[in-house]
Structures are given as C-alpha cells and as structure tokens.
Amino acid sequence: MAPSKSKSGRGKSWTGPELNRMLTAVEDILPLGGNEWDVVAGRYGKELPREFSERDVDAIKRKFLALKNALKPTGDPSCPEEVVRAKRAYYRMESRSGVEAFEDTAPVNTTSTPAPGSPSAEATAPAASSPSGTASTATSVAAEAAIPVAAPPTPSSVKDNANAGARSASQRCGKTPNELANLSEMLKRARKNAEDAAISHTVKRRRTIDNLLGKLEKESGGGTDMVQGVIAMEERAAVRELEYRREREEREAKREERENRRDELFFVLMTKLLGDKPNPTST
C-alpha cells in the first residue's frame, strides 16, 4: 500500500501568490507564540484556492524564518519584495514583544477590623465575656495581633503604583521602565526637530517676511513705503530663485548632452573594434 500523501506541503516550492497570502496573514496577526502561529495557519488555509498547496504551522513558520534570515538587506534594490515584507513583519513582532502591559498581581490584604457598633463587633463581645470562650478568645486575639496591618495608601504611593503599572516592561526588552520612558521622550523630541527641519525654505522665508511686515507696521504706524520695500525685496528674491532654477536646468541639459556624446563615442569605438576584428570563418 502506497504511503498517504502529506498535506503539510513540505518540500513543495512556494509560489508568489502563496507567499503573499502567508505574509499577509503574518502581518495581520504578528504571531509570538504557538497558538498565534496556529491562527496564522488557519487564516492561510481558510477558503484556500485549489491551485494553492496546503501548509501546516511548521511549513509556514519555517518559510517565514527563511525569508527573514535572508542575507540581503532591505535597502538593496535587488532584494525580493517577500524578503522585505518578512523582515519588516519580524521587526514589528519584536517591537510588540518588547514592551507589554502587566496587571498588578500584588496581594491585597482582605482582613479588616470590625467597626464599633457593627453586628460582627456585637457578636464578638458576648463571646469574649462568656467564661467558656475565654481560651478561644485569647487565641483569636493573639492571632489577630500577629497579622500585620497594612498602612493606609498615601497619594504619592498611589501615583507611584499607577506609574509602575503603566511602565511595566518585559525582561526581553533589556531596559527598565524609566529608561523606556526617557527613550520615548527623546524620540518625540527628535521627531519634532526633524519635522521642523523638514519645512521648506520658501515657507521659512514667507514666515520671516510676515514677521518683518508685522514689525514694520507697528514701528511705522501703518506706512506704505516700508511695505513696498519689503514687497520689492520679495520680488527680487523670486527673480533670483527663477534664475537659479534656469541655471540648474541649463547644467542638467549640458550634462545630458555630454552623456549622449560619450555614449555615441563609445558606440562608434565599439563598432570600429568589432568591424576590424578578423572573421575566423573567412580563413
């Protein structure tokens, strides 16, 4: 009896549509554990087209790791798109597993002292006054005295506990919660500085002119001579910018002309070399 054909797809080559389907499932779920990889395999096999091969969890995970471990960097133009997607998905998985929020698992002291006048306190008083319950009462009083009484929470302790819960980090990250918070603030400041530096030169110049116009209006009391002077300065700046663009276009045209001449010279040289080469069949 011939052995049954495996449905895992091991040994079968992956096609482009199959890789796209598998990477889409991984990007949507970003699996970290075995259960989530099962979800990826389930999503891949759900309503699978007939021309696709069935793949199990091991085959999908093995192919994803092979794409992720490819030696070509993502910045290489010859790097396949599947490798780029696998590496980016893996980076997102690492970011997801780096910082996780954990719930507060500190034990809560549920023991409480009955308030005076409550039913429990009134029920305890007769037991203490009866001669038969003297020994048990003394034992219970000693046991209650041995239990540490938790101090009432202060506003500072409550704030510290809240910050600790919000800044909990896994050991896999390699940084303390305070270091992560400082790193987050530093990244925010760097991003803000990058956005400010990305403002175009034209916008900066417009803001400078607007500020100058505002100062001139305040100093001159709404005079028009200074305003006209500033407008003339702006027009001259626009003319200089047009001249700069025209010169740049001329330089580009000259560069293209030089490249065309060089290509033509190379073509003529190669034609001459190939034309002077003796034909071995003619001898």
C-alpha atoms as a PDB file:
ATOM      1  CA  MET A   1       0.000   0.000   0.000  1.00  0.00           C
ATOM      2  CA  ALA A   2       1.448   3.347  -1.044  1.00  0.00           C
ATOM      3  CA  PRO A   3       2.037   5.839   1.770  1.00  0.00           C
ATOM      4  CA  SER A   4      -0.505   8.606   2.127  1.00  0.00           C
ATOM      5  CA  LYS A   5       0.441  11.963   0.682  1.00  0.00           C
ATOM      6  CA  SER A   6       1.291  14.557   3.310  1.00  0.00           C
ATOM      7  CA  LYS A   7      -0.814  17.705   3.419  1.00  0.00           C
ATOM      8  CA  SER A   8       1.824  19.837   5.113  1.00  0.00           C
ATOM      9  CA  GLY A   9       3.364  20.949   1.839  1.00  0.00           C
ATOM     10  CA  ARG A  10       6.930  20.207   2.980  1.00  0.00           C
ATOM     11  CA  GLY A  11       9.233  20.039   0.015  1.00  0.00           C
ATOM     12  CA  LYS A  12       6.903  21.923  -2.302  1.00  0.00           C
ATOM     13  CA  SER A  13       8.095  25.212  -3.649  1.00  0.00           C
ATOM     14  CA  TRP A  14       6.171  28.336  -2.669  1.00  0.00           C
ATOM     15  CA  THR A  15       4.635  30.383  -5.436  1.00  0.00           C
ATOM     16  CA  GLY A  16       4.302  34.155  -5.417  1.00  0.00           C
ATOM     17  CA  PRO A  17       0.570  34.195  -4.566  1.00  0.00           C
ATOM     18  CA  GLU A  18       1.145  31.672  -1.772  1.00  0.00           C
ATOM     19  CA  LEU A  19       3.907  33.817  -0.249  1.00  0.00           C
ATOM     20  CA  ASN A  20       1.684  36.879  -0.498  1.00  0.00           C
ATOM     21  CA  ARG A  21      -1.158  35.060   1.278  1.00  0.00           C
ATOM     22  CA  MET A  22       1.144  33.763   4.017  1.00  0.00           C
ATOM     23  CA  LEU A  23       2.860  37.147   4.615  1.00  0.00           C
ATOM     24  CA  THR A  24      -0.496  38.921   4.700  1.00  0.00           C
ATOM     25  CA  ALA A  25      -1.680  36.579   7.458  1.00  0.00           C
ATOM     26  CA  VAL A  26       1.568  37.097   9.416  1.00  0.00           C
ATOM     27  CA  GLU A  27       1.365  40.912   9.068  1.00  0.00           C
ATOM     28  CA  ASP A  28      -2.232  40.946  10.306  1.00  0.00           C
ATOM     29  CA  ILE A  29      -1.604  38.757  13.387  1.00  0.00           C
ATOM     30  CA  LEU A  30       2.132  39.276  14.209  1.00  0.00           C
ATOM     31  CA  PRO A  31       2.376  35.897  15.987  1.00  0.00           C
ATOM     32  CA  LEU A  32       4.564  35.469  19.059  1.00  0.00           C
ATOM     33  CA  GLY A  33       3.586  32.048  20.417  1.00  0.00           C
ATOM     34  CA  GLY A  34       2.469  28.679  19.133  1.00  0.00           C
ATOM     35  CA  ASN A  35      -1.226  29.486  19.477  1.00  0.00           C
ATOM     36  CA  GLU A  36      -0.917  32.583  17.321  1.00  0.00           C
ATOM     37  CA  TRP A  37       1.028  30.646  14.680  1.00  0.00           C
ATOM     38  CA  ASP A  38      -1.909  28.219  14.634  1.00  0.00           C
ATOM     39  CA  VAL A  39      -4.152  31.200  13.924  1.00  0.00           C
ATOM     40  CA  VAL A  40      -1.867  32.212  11.041  1.00  0.00           C
ATOM     41  CA  ALA A  41      -2.038  28.696   9.609  1.00  0.00           C
ATOM     42  CA  GLY A  42      -5.822  28.705   9.991  1.00  0.00           C
ATOM     43  CA  ARG A  43      -6.157  32.018   8.199  1.00  0.00           C
ATOM     44  CA  TYR A  44      -3.845  30.819   5.424  1.00  0.00           C
ATOM     45  CA  GLY A  45      -5.851  27.626   4.928  1.00  0.00           C
ATOM     46  CA  LYS A  46      -9.270  29.288   5.143  1.00  0.00           C
ATOM     47  CA  GLU A  47     -11.025  29.124   1.766  1.00  0.00           C
ATOM     48  CA  LEU A  48      -7.735  28.080   0.161  1.00  0.00           C
ATOM     49  CA  PRO A  49      -7.856  28.151  -3.666  1.00  0.00           C
ATOM     50  CA  ARG A  50      -7.457  24.828  -5.411  1.00  0.00           C
ATOM     51  CA  GLU A  51      -4.174  25.784  -7.059  1.00  0.00           C
ATOM     52  CA  PHE A  52      -2.589  26.557  -3.657  1.00  0.00           C
ATOM     53  CA  SER A  53      -0.782  23.854  -1.658  1.00  0.00           C
ATOM     54  CA  GLU A  54      -1.895  23.137   1.890  1.00  0.00           C
ATOM     55  CA  ARG A  55       0.659  24.195   4.510  1.00  0.00           C
ATOM     56  CA  ASP A  56       0.835  23.375   8.199  1.00  0.00           C
ATOM     57  CA  VAL A  57       2.183  25.527  11.029  1.00  0.00           C
ATOM     58  CA  ASP A  58       5.746  24.207  10.752  1.00  0.00           C
ATOM     59  CA  ALA A  59       5.908  24.809   6.995  1.00  0.00           C
ATOM     60  CA  ILE A  60       4.613  28.376   7.335  1.00  0.00           C
ATOM     61  CA  LYS A  61       6.903  29.231  10.229  1.00  0.00           C
ATOM     62  CA  ARG A  62       9.904  27.627   8.511  1.00  0.00           C
ATOM     63  CA  LYS A  63       9.336  29.586   5.290  1.00  0.00           C
ATOM     64  CA  PHE A  64       8.820  32.862   7.177  1.00  0.00           C
ATOM     65  CA  LEU A  65      12.081  32.398   9.106  1.00  0.00           C
ATOM     66  CA  ALA A  66      13.910  31.543   5.877  1.00  0.00           C
ATOM     67  CA  LEU A  67      12.716  34.795   4.303  1.00  0.00           C
ATOM     68  CA  LYS A  68      13.554  36.747   7.458  1.00  0.00           C
ATOM     69  CA  ASN A  69      17.084  35.310   7.643  1.00  0.00           C
ATOM     70  CA  ALA A  70      17.944  36.221   4.046  1.00  0.00           C
ATOM     71  CA  LEU A  71      21.332  37.948   3.847  1.00  0.00           C
ATOM     72  CA  LYS A  72      20.262  40.752   1.527  1.00  0.00           C
ATOM     73  CA  PRO A  73      19.367  44.000   3.355  1.00  0.00           C
ATOM     74  CA  THR A  74      16.045  45.679   2.726  1.00  0.00           C
ATOM     75  CA  GLY A  75      17.790  48.691   1.195  1.00  0.00           C
ATOM     76  CA  ASP A  76      19.277  46.589  -1.615  1.00  0.00           C
ATOM     77  CA  PRO A  77      17.351  47.222  -4.874  1.00  0.00           C
ATOM     78  CA  SER A  78      17.725  43.555  -5.790  1.00  0.00           C
ATOM     79  CA  CYS A  79      16.202  42.381  -2.513  1.00  0.00           C
ATOM     80  CA  PRO A  80      12.950  40.476  -3.231  1.00  0.00           C
ATOM     81  CA  GLU A  81       9.714  42.005  -2.010  1.00  0.00           C
ATOM     82  CA  GLU A  82       8.896  38.890   0.023  1.00  0.00           C
ATOM     83  CA  VAL A  83      12.167  39.226   1.978  1.00  0.00           C
ATOM     84  CA  VAL A  84      11.480  42.913   2.682  1.00  0.00           C
ATOM     85  CA  ARG A  85       7.961  42.158   3.950  1.00  0.00           C
ATOM     86  CA  ALA A  86       9.197  39.273   6.126  1.00  0.00           C
ATOM     87  CA  LYS A  87      11.947  41.390   7.718  1.00  0.00           C
ATOM     88  CA  ARG A  88       9.549  44.290   8.423  1.00  0.00           C
ATOM     89  CA  ALA A  89       6.956  41.935   9.900  1.00  0.00           C
ATOM     90  CA  TYR A  90       9.636  40.424  12.145  1.00  0.00           C
ATOM     91  CA  TYR A  91      10.702  43.888  13.338  1.00  0.00           C
ATOM     92  CA  ARG A  92       7.061  44.637  14.215  1.00  0.00           C
ATOM     93  CA  MET A  93       6.835  41.327  16.090  1.00  0.00           C
ATOM     94  CA  GLU A  94       9.962  42.245  18.069  1.00  0.00           C
ATOM     95  CA  SER A  95       8.523  45.672  18.880  1.00  0.00           C
ATOM     96  CA  ARG A  96       5.291  44.068  20.016  1.00  0.00           C
ATOM     97  CA  SER A  97       7.091  41.642  22.320  1.00  0.00           C
ATOM     98  CA  GLY A  98       9.475  44.305  23.664  1.00  0.00           C
ATOM     99  CA  VAL A  99       7.025  46.221  25.858  1.00  0.00           C
ATOM    100  CA  GLU A 100       3.964  44.591  27.365  1.00  0.00           C
ATOM    101  CA  ALA A 101       1.498  45.785  29.985  1.00  0.00           C
ATOM    102  CA  PHE A 102       1.121  43.551  33.019  1.00  0.00           C
ATOM    103  CA  GLU A 103      -1.678  43.650  35.556  1.00  0.00           C
ATOM    104  CA  ASP A 104      -0.983  44.368  39.198  1.00  0.00           C
ATOM    105  CA  THR A 105      -0.539  40.998  40.943  1.00  0.00           C
ATOM    106  CA  ALA A 106       0.260  42.352  44.417  1.00  0.00           C
ATOM    107  CA  PRO A 107      -1.634  40.562  47.186  1.00  0.00           C
ATOM    108  CA  VAL A 108      -4.484  42.525  48.684  1.00  0.00           C
ATOM    109  CA  ASN A 109      -5.000  42.460  52.432  1.00  0.00           C
ATOM    110  CA  THR A 110      -8.647  41.452  52.851  1.00  0.00           C
ATOM    111  CA  THR A 111      -8.605  41.376  56.645  1.00  0.00           C
ATOM    112  CA  SER A 112     -10.431  44.221  58.311  1.00  0.00           C
ATOM    113  CA  THR A 113     -11.238  45.210  61.831  1.00  0.00           C
ATOM    114  CA  PRO A 114     -14.993  45.392  62.507  1.00  0.00           C
ATOM    115  CA  ALA A 115     -16.158  48.870  63.253  1.00  0.00           C
ATOM    116  CA  PRO A 116     -17.600  49.614  66.681  1.00  0.00           C
ATOM    117  CA  GLY A 117     -21.354  49.099  66.807  1.00  0.00           C
ATOM    118  CA  SER A 118     -21.387  46.723  63.792  1.00  0.00           C
ATOM    119  CA  PRO A 119     -23.149  43.341  64.067  1.00  0.00           C
ATOM    120  CA  SER A 120     -19.826  41.461  63.921  1.00  0.00           C
ATOM    121  CA  ALA A 121     -18.393  43.525  66.772  1.00  0.00           C
ATOM    122  CA  GLU A 122     -21.547  42.987  68.833  1.00  0.00           C
ATOM    123  CA  ALA A 123     -21.379  39.251  68.131  1.00  0.00           C
ATOM    124  CA  THR A 124     -17.750  39.156  69.268  1.00  0.00           C
ATOM    125  CA  ALA A 125     -18.396  40.950  72.565  1.00  0.00           C
ATOM    126  CA  PRO A 126     -20.603  38.233  74.192  1.00  0.00           C
ATOM    127  CA  ALA A 127     -18.140  35.522  73.203  1.00  0.00           C
ATOM    128  CA  ALA A 128     -15.337  37.370  74.947  1.00  0.00           C
ATOM    129  CA  SER A 129     -17.417  37.899  78.108  1.00  0.00           C
ATOM    130  CA  SER A 130     -18.531  34.250  78.443  1.00  0.00           C
ATOM    131  CA  PRO A 131     -16.363  32.011  80.732  1.00  0.00           C
ATOM    132  CA  SER A 132     -16.432  29.099  78.245  1.00  0.00           C
ATOM    133  CA  GLY A 133     -14.951  31.124  75.402  1.00  0.00           C
ATOM    134  CA  THR A 134     -12.070  32.708  77.309  1.00  0.00           C
ATOM    135  CA  ALA A 135      -9.358  30.449  75.884  1.00  0.00           C
ATOM    136  CA  SER A 136     -10.602  30.628  72.268  1.00  0.00           C
ATOM    137  CA  THR A 137     -10.984  34.387  72.539  1.00  0.00           C
ATOM    138  CA  ALA A 138      -7.420  34.806  73.781  1.00  0.00           C
ATOM    139  CA  THR A 139      -6.135  32.615  70.949  1.00  0.00           C
ATOM    140  CA  SER A 140      -8.044  34.587  68.305  1.00  0.00           C
ATOM    141  CA  VAL A 141      -6.854  37.916  69.769  1.00  0.00           C
ATOM    142  CA  ALA A 142      -3.234  36.732  69.648  1.00  0.00           C
ATOM    143  CA  ALA A 143      -3.638  35.550  66.054  1.00  0.00           C
ATOM    144  CA  GLU A 144      -5.137  38.863  65.004  1.00  0.00           C
ATOM    145  CA  ALA A 145      -2.305  40.730  66.738  1.00  0.00           C
ATOM    146  CA  ALA A 146       0.248  38.683  64.767  1.00  0.00           C
ATOM    147  CA  ILE A 147      -1.309  39.674  61.406  1.00  0.00           C
ATOM    148  CA  PRO A 148       0.444  42.797  60.016  1.00  0.00           C
ATOM    149  CA  VAL A 149      -1.868  45.694  59.446  1.00  0.00           C
ATOM    150  CA  ALA A 150      -1.400  47.395  56.069  1.00  0.00           C
ATOM    151  CA  ALA A 151      -0.791  51.123  56.229  1.00  0.00           C
ATOM    152  CA  PRO A 152      -3.389  53.305  54.502  1.00  0.00           C
ATOM    153  CA  PRO A 153      -2.318  54.300  50.972  1.00  0.00           C
ATOM    154  CA  THR A 154      -0.980  57.810  50.505  1.00  0.00           C
ATOM    155  CA  PRO A 155      -1.445  59.911  47.338  1.00  0.00           C
ATOM    156  CA  SER A 156       2.265  59.531  46.479  1.00  0.00           C
ATOM    157  CA  SER A 157       2.175  55.723  46.806  1.00  0.00           C
ATOM    158  CA  VAL A 158      -0.972  55.534  44.676  1.00  0.00           C
ATOM    159  CA  LYS A 159       0.696  57.664  41.978  1.00  0.00           C
ATOM    160  CA  ASP A 160       3.854  55.508  42.060  1.00  0.00           C
ATOM    161  CA  ASN A 161       1.816  52.323  41.719  1.00  0.00           C
ATOM    162  CA  ALA A 162      -0.091  53.783  38.767  1.00  0.00           C
ATOM    163  CA  ASN A 163       3.156  54.782  37.027  1.00  0.00           C
ATOM    164  CA  ALA A 164       4.671  51.377  37.720  1.00  0.00           C
ATOM    165  CA  GLY A 165       1.687  49.626  36.159  1.00  0.00           C
ATOM    166  CA  ALA A 166       1.777  51.876  33.103  1.00  0.00           C
ATOM    167  CA  ARG A 167       5.536  51.433  32.626  1.00  0.00           C
ATOM    168  CA  SER A 168       5.834  47.690  33.131  1.00  0.00           C
ATOM    169  CA  ALA A 169       8.257  46.100  30.664  1.00  0.00           C
ATOM    170  CA  SER A 170       9.252  42.532  29.904  1.00  0.00           C
ATOM    171  CA  GLN A 171      12.768  41.239  30.544  1.00  0.00           C
ATOM    172  CA  ARG A 172      13.179  40.651  26.828  1.00  0.00           C
ATOM    173  CA  CYS A 173      13.341  44.391  26.240  1.00  0.00           C
ATOM    174  CA  GLY A 174      16.553  44.791  28.260  1.00  0.00           C
ATOM    175  CA  LYS A 175      15.604  48.212  29.676  1.00  0.00           C
ATOM    176  CA  THR A 176      13.926  49.434  32.826  1.00  0.00           C
ATOM    177  CA  PRO A 177      10.545  51.213  32.679  1.00  0.00           C
ATOM    178  CA  ASN A 178      12.177  54.564  33.465  1.00  0.00           C
ATOM    179  CA  GLU A 179      14.724  54.077  30.663  1.00  0.00           C
ATOM    180  CA  LEU A 180      11.891  53.259  28.249  1.00  0.00           C
ATOM    181  CA  ALA A 181      10.024  56.410  29.299  1.00  0.00           C
ATOM    182  CA  ASN A 182      13.142  58.559  28.799  1.00  0.00           C
ATOM    183  CA  LEU A 183      13.755  56.949  25.414  1.00  0.00           C
ATOM    184  CA  SER A 184      10.178  57.684  24.376  1.00  0.00           C
ATOM    185  CA  GLU A 185      10.518  61.354  25.324  1.00  0.00           C
ATOM    186  CA  MET A 186      13.835  61.597  23.471  1.00  0.00           C
ATOM    187  CA  LEU A 187      12.315  60.072  20.328  1.00  0.00           C
ATOM    188  CA  LYS A 188       9.393  62.502  20.493  1.00  0.00           C
ATOM    189  CA  ARG A 189      11.765  65.468  20.713  1.00  0.00           C
ATOM    190  CA  ALA A 190      13.884  64.125  17.836  1.00  0.00           C
ATOM    191  CA  ARG A 191      10.803  63.635  15.682  1.00  0.00           C
ATOM    192  CA  LYS A 192       9.637  67.181  16.427  1.00  0.00           C
ATOM    193  CA  ASN A 193      13.057  68.586  15.493  1.00  0.00           C
ATOM    194  CA  ALA A 194      13.039  66.559  12.264  1.00  0.00           C
ATOM    195  CA  GLU A 195       9.609  67.903  11.358  1.00  0.00           C
ATOM    196  CA  ASP A 196      10.790  71.461  11.997  1.00  0.00           C
ATOM    197  CA  ALA A 197      13.882  70.900   9.839  1.00  0.00           C
ATOM    198  CA  ALA A 198      11.759  69.478   7.027  1.00  0.00           C
ATOM    199  CA  ILE A 199       9.961  72.784   6.477  1.00  0.00           C
ATOM    200  CA  SER A 200      10.821  74.118   3.038  1.00  0.00           C
ATOM    201  CA  HIS A 201      12.953  77.196   2.526  1.00  0.00           C
ATOM    202  CA  THR A 202      10.039  79.020   0.894  1.00  0.00           C
ATOM    203  CA  VAL A 203       7.844  78.581   3.967  1.00  0.00           C
ATOM    204  CA  LYS A 204      10.595  79.823   6.256  1.00  0.00           C
ATOM    205  CA  ARG A 205      11.139  82.858   4.040  1.00  0.00           C
ATOM    206  CA  ARG A 206       7.408  83.614   3.983  1.00  0.00           C
ATOM    207  CA  ARG A 207       7.254  83.455   7.763  1.00  0.00           C
ATOM    208  CA  THR A 208      10.258  85.756   8.053  1.00  0.00           C
ATOM    209  CA  ILE A 209       8.698  88.281   5.682  1.00  0.00           C
ATOM    210  CA  ASP A 210       5.377  88.157   7.526  1.00  0.00           C
ATOM    211  CA  ASN A 211       7.111  88.787  10.835  1.00  0.00           C
ATOM    212  CA  LEU A 212       9.077  91.651   9.318  1.00  0.00           C
ATOM    213  CA  LEU A 213       5.930  93.198   7.879  1.00  0.00           C
ATOM    214  CA  GLY A 214       4.243  92.979  11.249  1.00  0.00           C
ATOM    215  CA  LYS A 215       7.170  94.716  12.961  1.00  0.00           C
ATOM    216  CA  LEU A 216       7.302  97.418  10.315  1.00  0.00           C
ATOM    217  CA  GLU A 217       3.596  98.127  10.616  1.00  0.00           C
ATOM    218  CA  LYS A 218       3.944  98.510  14.374  1.00  0.00           C
ATOM    219  CA  GLU A 219       7.008 100.769  14.118  1.00  0.00           C
ATOM    220  CA  SER A 220       5.882 102.973  11.207  1.00  0.00           C
ATOM    221  CA  GLY A 221       2.236 103.186  12.209  1.00  0.00           C
ATOM    222  CA  GLY A 222       0.915 101.623   9.003  1.00  0.00           C
ATOM    223  CA  GLY A 223       3.226 103.421   6.487  1.00  0.00           C
ATOM    224  CA  THR A 224       3.259 102.069   2.930  1.00  0.00           C
ATOM    225  CA  ASP A 225       6.875 102.900   1.955  1.00  0.00           C
ATOM    226  CA  MET A 226       8.381 100.183   4.106  1.00  0.00           C
ATOM    227  CA  VAL A 227       5.791  97.680   2.960  1.00  0.00           C
ATOM    228  CA  GLN A 228       6.567  98.418  -0.686  1.00  0.00           C
ATOM    229  CA  GLY A 229      10.251  97.984   0.046  1.00  0.00           C
ATOM    230  CA  VAL A 230       9.648  94.588   1.574  1.00  0.00           C
ATOM    231  CA  ILE A 231       7.480  93.578  -1.390  1.00  0.00           C
ATOM    232  CA  ALA A 232      10.273  94.624  -3.748  1.00  0.00           C
ATOM    233  CA  MET A 233      12.720  92.536  -1.763  1.00  0.00           C
ATOM    234  CA  GLU A 234      10.396  89.552  -2.069  1.00  0.00           C
ATOM    235  CA  GLU A 235      10.110  90.079  -5.845  1.00  0.00           C
ATOM    236  CA  ARG A 236      13.888  90.214  -6.199  1.00  0.00           C
ATOM    237  CA  ALA A 237      14.167  87.017  -4.185  1.00  0.00           C
ATOM    238  CA  ALA A 238      11.641  85.362  -6.507  1.00  0.00           C
ATOM    239  CA  VAL A 239      13.659  86.520  -9.551  1.00  0.00           C
ATOM    240  CA  ARG A 240      16.832  85.089  -8.028  1.00  0.00           C
ATOM    241  CA  GLU A 241      15.096  81.793  -7.433  1.00  0.00           C
ATOM    242  CA  LEU A 242      13.935  81.676 -11.067  1.00  0.00           C
ATOM    243  CA  GLU A 243      17.468  82.411 -12.256  1.00  0.00           C
ATOM    244  CA  TYR A 244      18.784  79.648 -10.035  1.00  0.00           C
ATOM    245  CA  ARG A 245      16.277  77.212 -11.483  1.00  0.00           C
ATOM    246  CA  ARG A 246      17.152  78.260 -15.045  1.00  0.00           C
ATOM    247  CA  GLU A 247      20.873  77.799 -14.377  1.00  0.00           C
ATOM    248  CA  ARG A 248      20.202  74.400 -12.853  1.00  0.00           C
ATOM    249  CA  GLU A 249      18.185  73.356 -15.899  1.00  0.00           C
ATOM    250  CA  GLU A 250      20.996  74.520 -18.189  1.00  0.00           C
ATOM    251  CA  ARG A 251      23.515  72.498 -16.189  1.00  0.00           C
ATOM    252  CA  GLU A 252      21.267  69.441 -16.437  1.00  0.00           C
ATOM    253  CA  ALA A 253      20.926  69.918 -20.215  1.00  0.00           C
ATOM    254  CA  LYS A 254      24.700  70.216 -20.624  1.00  0.00           C
ATOM    255  CA  ARG A 255      25.254  67.128 -18.515  1.00  0.00           C
ATOM    256  CA  GLU A 256      22.797  65.137 -20.615  1.00  0.00           C
ATOM    257  CA  GLU A 257      24.486  66.383 -23.775  1.00  0.00           C
ATOM    258  CA  ARG A 258      27.891  65.246 -22.501  1.00  0.00           C
ATOM    259  CA  GLU A 259      26.484  61.849 -21.604  1.00  0.00           C
ATOM    260  CA  ASN A 260      24.926  61.496 -25.063  1.00  0.00           C
ATOM    261  CA  ARG A 261      28.219  62.398 -26.750  1.00  0.00           C
ATOM    262  CA  ARG A 262      30.063  59.908 -24.581  1.00  0.00           C
ATOM    263  CA  ASP A 263      27.562  57.179 -25.454  1.00  0.00           C
ATOM    264  CA  GLU A 264      27.870  57.969 -29.158  1.00  0.00           C
ATOM    265  CA  LEU A 265      31.672  57.901 -28.948  1.00  0.00           C
ATOM    266  CA  PHE A 266      31.560  54.583 -27.121  1.00  0.00           C
ATOM    267  CA  PHE A 267      29.196  53.172 -29.743  1.00  0.00           C
ATOM    268  CA  VAL A 268      31.450  54.308 -32.610  1.00  0.00           C
ATOM    269  CA  LEU A 269      34.506  52.880 -30.868  1.00  0.00           C
ATOM    270  CA  MET A 270      32.851  49.516 -30.284  1.00  0.00           C
ATOM    271  CA  THR A 271      31.614  49.440 -33.887  1.00  0.00           C
ATOM    272  CA  LYS A 272      35.113  50.114 -35.137  1.00  0.00           C
ATOM    273  CA  LEU A 273      36.648  47.456 -32.912  1.00  0.00           C
ATOM    274  CA  LEU A 274      34.113  44.844 -33.927  1.00  0.00           C
ATOM    275  CA  GLY A 275      34.420  45.795 -37.601  1.00  0.00           C
ATOM    276  CA  ASP A 276      38.247  45.500 -37.632  1.00  0.00           C
ATOM    277  CA  LYS A 277      38.196  42.122 -35.895  1.00  0.00           C
ATOM    278  CA  PRO A 278      39.049  39.372 -38.468  1.00  0.00           C
ATOM    279  CA  ASN A 279      36.353  36.807 -39.159  1.00  0.00           C
ATOM    280  CA  PRO A 280      37.704  33.321 -38.264  1.00  0.00           C
ATOM    281  CA  THR A 281      35.440  31.629 -40.837  1.00  0.00           C
ATOM    282  CA  SER A 282      36.980  33.559 -43.740  1.00  0.00           C
ATOM    283  CA  THR A 283      40.462  31.999 -43.289  1.00  0.00           C
END
